[in-house]
Amino acid sequence: MKDVMTTLLNTDETNFESILIENEELIMEPLLDDDAVMDEDSIYDVGMNREERFERYESVMLERERKVVNKNVENILRAMREFVLSRRP
């Protein structure tokens, strides 16, 4: 995921969508795959269902957007949030 963020930081906002689509499987796996292995620093709790993971993702991303000071990072977080939520089942 760090590679995706780095790529987004180093590109123009007009390329966000194509980069997110290229990395869709990686981005969506923790939300859609009930058996996805979560890192220690995951925002998701063990046992969360899909809807709970989407709700947590949305709330965490909104909070990160509110706290960020760099406008470019805020735009990236917003684009990621909108991308993920547009794929919500």
Protein backbone atom coordinates (compact mmCIF):
# COMPACT_ATOMS: atom_id res chain seq x y z
CA MET A 1 0.00 0.00 0.00
CA LYS A 2 2.94 2.32 0.65
CA ASP A 3 3.98 1.90 -2.99
CA VAL A 4 0.51 2.97 -4.14
CA MET A 5 0.65 6.06 -1.94
CA THR A 6 4.13 6.92 -3.21
CA THR A 7 2.96 6.57 -6.80
CA LEU A 8 -0.04 8.79 -6.10
CA LEU A 9 2.15 11.40 -4.42
CA ASN A 10 4.43 11.51 -7.44
CA THR A 11 1.74 11.97 -10.07
CA ASP A 12 -0.81 14.48 -11.17
CA GLU A 13 -4.34 14.25 -9.77
CA THR A 14 -5.67 13.43 -13.24
CA ASN A 15 -3.87 10.05 -12.99
CA PHE A 16 -5.32 9.03 -9.61
CA GLU A 17 -8.19 7.00 -11.04
CA SER A 18 -6.01 4.94 -13.38
CA ILE A 19 -3.50 4.21 -10.60
CA LEU A 20 -6.27 3.17 -8.24
CA ILE A 21 -7.77 0.89 -10.90
CA GLU A 22 -4.36 -0.68 -11.55
CA ASN A 23 -4.09 -1.44 -7.82
CA GLU A 24 -7.75 -2.27 -7.20
CA GLU A 25 -7.14 -5.84 -6.07
CA LEU A 26 -4.60 -4.76 -3.46
CA ILE A 27 -6.75 -1.88 -2.25
CA MET A 28 -9.99 -3.85 -2.04
CA GLU A 29 -8.68 -7.15 -0.65
CA PRO A 30 -8.92 -6.27 3.06
CA LEU A 31 -12.47 -5.01 2.55
CA LEU A 32 -13.87 -7.79 0.39
CA ASP A 33 -11.91 -10.90 1.38
CA ASP A 34 -13.21 -12.33 4.64
CA ASP A 35 -10.02 -14.42 4.91
CA ALA A 36 -7.58 -11.58 4.19
CA VAL A 37 -4.60 -11.54 6.53
CA MET A 38 -4.52 -8.26 8.46
CA ASP A 39 -1.29 -6.55 9.45
CA GLU A 40 -0.67 -5.55 13.05
CA ASP A 41 -1.42 -1.94 12.18
CA SER A 42 -4.66 -2.75 10.36
CA ILE A 43 -7.64 -0.50 10.98
CA TYR A 44 -9.89 -3.58 10.99
CA ASP A 45 -10.65 -5.81 13.94
CA VAL A 46 -10.71 -9.58 13.72
CA GLY A 47 -14.23 -10.82 13.14
CA MET A 48 -15.53 -7.70 11.40
CA ASN A 49 -17.96 -8.42 8.60
CA ARG A 50 -17.71 -6.73 5.21
CA GLU A 51 -20.15 -3.93 6.04
CA GLU A 52 -18.31 -3.16 9.28
CA ARG A 53 -14.98 -3.00 7.41
CA PHE A 54 -16.42 -0.54 4.87
CA GLU A 55 -17.85 1.59 7.68
CA ARG A 56 -14.50 1.58 9.51
CA TYR A 57 -12.64 2.43 6.30
CA GLU A 58 -14.92 5.38 5.62
CA SER A 59 -14.68 6.78 9.16
CA VAL A 60 -10.89 6.37 9.34
CA MET A 61 -10.33 7.97 5.94
CA LEU A 62 -12.62 10.91 6.75
CA GLU A 63 -10.71 11.46 9.99
CA ARG A 64 -7.36 11.31 8.16
CA GLU A 65 -8.63 13.80 5.59
CA ARG A 66 -9.64 16.21 8.36
CA LYS A 67 -6.24 16.00 10.06
CA VAL A 68 -3.92 16.20 7.07
CA VAL A 69 -2.09 19.46 6.44
CA ASN A 70 -0.81 18.76 2.92
CA LYS A 71 -3.50 19.52 0.33
CA ASN A 72 -2.10 16.96 -2.13
CA VAL A 73 -2.30 14.21 0.50
CA GLU A 74 -5.84 15.28 1.32
CA ASN A 75 -6.77 14.95 -2.37
CA ILE A 76 -5.19 11.48 -2.50
CA LEU A 77 -7.05 10.30 0.60
CA ARG A 78 -10.33 11.66 -0.76
CA ALA A 79 -9.76 9.96 -4.13
CA MET A 80 -8.98 6.66 -2.41
CA ARG A 81 -12.03 6.91 -0.16
CA GLU A 82 -14.33 7.72 -3.06
CA PHE A 83 -12.80 4.91 -5.15
CA VAL A 84 -13.25 2.31 -2.41
CA LEU A 85 -16.76 3.39 -1.46
CA SER A 86 -17.86 3.34 -5.11
CA ARG A 87 -17.13 -0.40 -5.02
CA ARG A 88 -19.10 -1.05 -1.85
CA PRO A 89 -21.44 -4.00 -2.38
